[in-house]
PDB file of N, CA and C in Angstrom:
ATOM      1  N   MET A   1       0.666  -1.225  -0.041  1.00  0.00           N
ATOM      2  CA  MET A   1      -0.174  -0.591   0.182  1.00  0.00           C
ATOM      3  C   MET A   1       0.896   0.899   0.320  1.00  0.00           C
ATOM      4  N   GLU A   2       0.588   2.262  -1.111  1.00  0.00           N
ATOM      5  CA  GLU A   2       1.269   3.524  -0.758  1.00  0.00           C
ATOM      6  C   GLU A   2       1.672   3.962   0.235  1.00  0.00           C
ATOM      7  N   GLY A   3       2.595   5.063   0.933  1.00  0.00           N
ATOM      8  CA  GLY A   3       2.086   5.228   1.439  1.00  0.00           C
ATOM      9  C   GLY A   3       2.513   5.576   3.233  1.00  0.00           C
ATOM     10  N   THR A   4       2.469   4.160   2.594  1.00  0.00           N
ATOM     11  CA  THR A   4       2.257   3.211   4.255  1.00  0.00           C
ATOM     12  C   THR A   4       3.992   2.699   4.571  1.00  0.00           C
ATOM     13  N   ARG A   5       3.955   2.242   5.968  1.00  0.00           N
ATOM     14  CA  ARG A   5       4.996   1.828   6.849  1.00  0.00           C
ATOM     15  C   ARG A   5       4.512  -0.071   7.086  1.00  0.00           C
ATOM     16  N   GLU A   6       5.597  -0.738   7.012  1.00  0.00           N
ATOM     17  CA  GLU A   6       5.359  -2.185   7.663  1.00  0.00           C
ATOM     18  C   GLU A   6       6.513  -2.448   8.671  1.00  0.00           C
ATOM     19  N   LEU A   7       5.724  -3.007  10.112  1.00  0.00           N
ATOM     20  CA  LEU A   7       6.816  -3.098  10.973  1.00  0.00           C
ATOM     21  C   LEU A   7       6.543  -4.648  11.922  1.00  0.00           C
ATOM     22  N   VAL A   8       7.520  -5.714  11.276  1.00  0.00           N
ATOM     23  CA  VAL A   8       7.160  -6.664  12.386  1.00  0.00           C
ATOM     24  C   VAL A   8       7.529  -6.530  13.581  1.00  0.00           C
ATOM     25  N   ILE A   9       6.620  -6.714  13.949  1.00  0.00           N
ATOM     26  CA  ILE A   9       6.346  -6.841  16.112  1.00  0.00           C
ATOM     27  C   ILE A   9       6.155  -8.105  16.826  1.00  0.00           C
ATOM     28  N   HIS A  10       6.328  -9.371  15.327  1.00  0.00           N
ATOM     29  CA  HIS A  10       6.389 -10.568  16.301  1.00  0.00           C
ATOM     30  C   HIS A  10       6.789 -11.319  15.365  1.00  0.00           C
ATOM     31  N   PRO A  11       7.505 -12.488  14.968  1.00  0.00           N
ATOM     32  CA  PRO A  11       7.165 -13.658  13.588  1.00  0.00           C
ATOM     33  C   PRO A  11       6.513 -14.551  13.801  1.00  0.00           C
ATOM     34  N   HIS A  12       5.413 -13.814  13.266  1.00  0.00           N
ATOM     35  CA  HIS A  12       3.505 -14.011  13.124  1.00  0.00           C
ATOM     36  C   HIS A  12       3.044 -12.722  12.883  1.00  0.00           C
ATOM     37  N   PHE A  13       3.691 -11.869  13.116  1.00  0.00           N
ATOM     38  CA  PHE A  13       2.766 -10.578  12.855  1.00  0.00           C
ATOM     39  C   PHE A  13       3.080  -9.559  12.474  1.00  0.00           C
ATOM     40  N   VAL A  14       2.730  -8.674  11.600  1.00  0.00           N
ATOM     41  CA  VAL A  14       2.840  -7.756  10.496  1.00  0.00           C
ATOM     42  C   VAL A  14       2.225  -6.881  11.216  1.00  0.00           C
ATOM     43  N   LEU A  15       2.748  -5.070  11.355  1.00  0.00           N
ATOM     44  CA  LEU A  15       1.827  -4.290  11.528  1.00  0.00           C
ATOM     45  C   LEU A  15       2.175  -2.876  10.511  1.00  0.00           C
ATOM     46  N   VAL A  16       0.566  -2.348  10.098  1.00  0.00           N
ATOM     47  CA  VAL A  16       1.210  -2.234   9.230  1.00  0.00           C
ATOM     48  C   VAL A  16       0.284  -0.427   9.340  1.00  0.00           C
ATOM     49  N   TYR A  17       0.555   0.284   8.907  1.00  0.00           N
ATOM     50  CA  TYR A  17       0.860   1.601   9.860  1.00  0.00           C
ATOM     51  C   TYR A  17       1.357   3.083   9.048  1.00  0.00           C
ATOM     52  N   GLU A  18       0.672   4.042   9.016  1.00  0.00           N
ATOM     53  CA  GLU A  18       0.980   5.207   8.246  1.00  0.00           C
ATOM     54  C   GLU A  18       1.268   6.765   9.341  1.00  0.00           C
ATOM     55  N   VAL A  19       2.071   7.412   9.088  1.00  0.00           N
ATOM     56  CA  VAL A  19       2.493   8.163  10.055  1.00  0.00           C
ATOM     57  C   VAL A  19       2.193   9.626   9.312  1.00  0.00           C
ATOM     58  N   ASP A  20       1.336  10.317  10.189  1.00  0.00           N
ATOM     59  CA  ASP A  20       1.027  11.851   9.798  1.00  0.00           C
ATOM     60  C   ASP A  20       1.599  12.426  10.539  1.00  0.00           C
ATOM     61  N   SER A  21       2.448  13.627   9.326  1.00  0.00           N
ATOM     62  CA  SER A  21       3.567  14.261  10.979  1.00  0.00           C
ATOM     63  C   SER A  21       3.125  15.932  10.559  1.00  0.00           C
ATOM     64  N   GLN A  22       1.984  15.580  10.438  1.00  0.00           N
ATOM     65  CA  GLN A  22       1.896  16.854  10.424  1.00  0.00           C
ATOM     66  C   GLN A  22       1.154  17.788  11.972  1.00  0.00           C
ATOM     67  N   TRP A  23       0.432  16.050  11.910  1.00  0.00           N
ATOM     68  CA  TRP A  23      -0.321  16.270  13.915  1.00  0.00           C
ATOM     69  C   TRP A  23       0.549  15.017  15.059  1.00  0.00           C
ATOM     70  N   GLY A  24       1.754  14.707  13.867  1.00  0.00           N
ATOM     71  CA  GLY A  24       2.861  13.957  14.609  1.00  0.00           C
ATOM     72  C   GLY A  24       1.793  12.308  15.510  1.00  0.00           C
ATOM     73  N   LYS A  25       0.884  12.636  14.794  1.00  0.00           N
ATOM     74  CA  LYS A  25       0.015  10.755  15.430  1.00  0.00           C
ATOM     75  C   LYS A  25       0.377   9.931  13.959  1.00  0.00           C
ATOM     76  N   VAL A  26      -0.229   8.404  14.197  1.00  0.00           N
ATOM     77  CA  VAL A  26       0.769   6.845  14.354  1.00  0.00           C
ATOM     78  C   VAL A  26      -0.491   6.653  14.189  1.00  0.00           C
ATOM     79  N   TYR A  27      -1.293   6.205  12.647  1.00  0.00           N
ATOM     80  CA  TYR A  27      -2.471   5.835  13.070  1.00  0.00           C
ATOM     81  C   TYR A  27      -1.998   3.889  11.835  1.00  0.00           C
ATOM     82  N   ILE A  28      -2.775   2.807  12.980  1.00  0.00           N
ATOM     83  CA  ILE A  28      -2.648   1.477  12.880  1.00  0.00           C
ATOM     84  C   ILE A  28      -3.921   0.781  11.751  1.00  0.00           C
ATOM     85  N   LEU A  29      -3.205   0.674  10.154  1.00  0.00           N
ATOM     86  CA  LEU A  29      -4.671   0.352   9.176  1.00  0.00           C
ATOM     87  C   LEU A  29      -4.713  -1.675   9.711  1.00  0.00           C
ATOM     88  N   ARG A  30      -3.469  -2.474  10.013  1.00  0.00           N
ATOM     89  CA  ARG A  30      -3.909  -3.769  10.222  1.00  0.00           C
ATOM     90  C   ARG A  30      -3.030  -4.489  10.767  1.00  0.00           C
ATOM     91  N   VAL A  31      -3.316  -5.333  10.984  1.00  0.00           N
ATOM     92  CA  VAL A  31      -2.103  -5.878  12.394  1.00  0.00           C
ATOM     93  C   VAL A  31      -2.217  -7.112  11.399  1.00  0.00           C
ATOM     94  N   LEU A  32      -1.552  -7.760  10.292  1.00  0.00           N
ATOM     95  CA  LEU A  32      -1.646  -9.051   9.878  1.00  0.00           C
ATOM     96  C   LEU A  32      -0.783 -10.606  10.297  1.00  0.00           C
ATOM     97  N   HIS A  33      -1.825 -11.715  10.416  1.00  0.00           N
ATOM     98  CA  HIS A  33      -1.353 -12.804  10.925  1.00  0.00           C
ATOM     99  C   HIS A  33       0.114 -13.069   9.106  1.00  0.00           C
ATOM    100  N   THR A  34       1.261 -14.067   9.587  1.00  0.00           N
ATOM    101  CA  THR A  34       2.191 -14.197   8.836  1.00  0.00           C
ATOM    102  C   THR A  34       1.296 -15.413   8.057  1.00  0.00           C
ATOM    103  N   ALA A  35       0.252 -15.894   7.896  1.00  0.00           N
ATOM    104  CA  ALA A  35       0.177 -16.715   7.383  1.00  0.00           C
ATOM    105  C   ALA A  35      -0.623 -16.606   6.210  1.00  0.00           C
ATOM    106  N   GLN A  36      -1.607 -14.955   6.646  1.00  0.00           N
ATOM    107  CA  GLN A  36      -2.302 -14.666   5.233  1.00  0.00           C
ATOM    108  C   GLN A  36      -1.256 -14.360   4.261  1.00  0.00           C
ATOM    109  N   LYS A  37      -2.109 -14.387   2.920  1.00  0.00           N
ATOM    110  CA  LYS A  37      -1.607 -13.820   1.673  1.00  0.00           C
ATOM    111  C   LYS A  37      -1.712 -12.163   1.779  1.00  0.00           C
ATOM    112  N   TRP A  38      -0.373 -11.122   1.052  1.00  0.00           N
ATOM    113  CA  TRP A  38      -0.873  -9.780   1.497  1.00  0.00           C
ATOM    114  C   TRP A  38      -0.150  -8.850   0.077  1.00  0.00           C
ATOM    115  N   PRO A  39      -1.084  -8.335  -0.404  1.00  0.00           N
ATOM    116  CA  PRO A  39      -0.878  -8.236  -1.855  1.00  0.00           C
ATOM    117  C   PRO A  39       1.090  -7.372  -2.220  1.00  0.00           C
TER     118      PRO A  39
END
């Protein structure tokens, strides 16, 4: 997804998030289990 970042928080989970630097906020968009397919 364009404009997002990914962080591996556990071997089985990836956190997809975006940063709003204007407001200093982080929005968590999805917590993905690595067994699922991700585009």
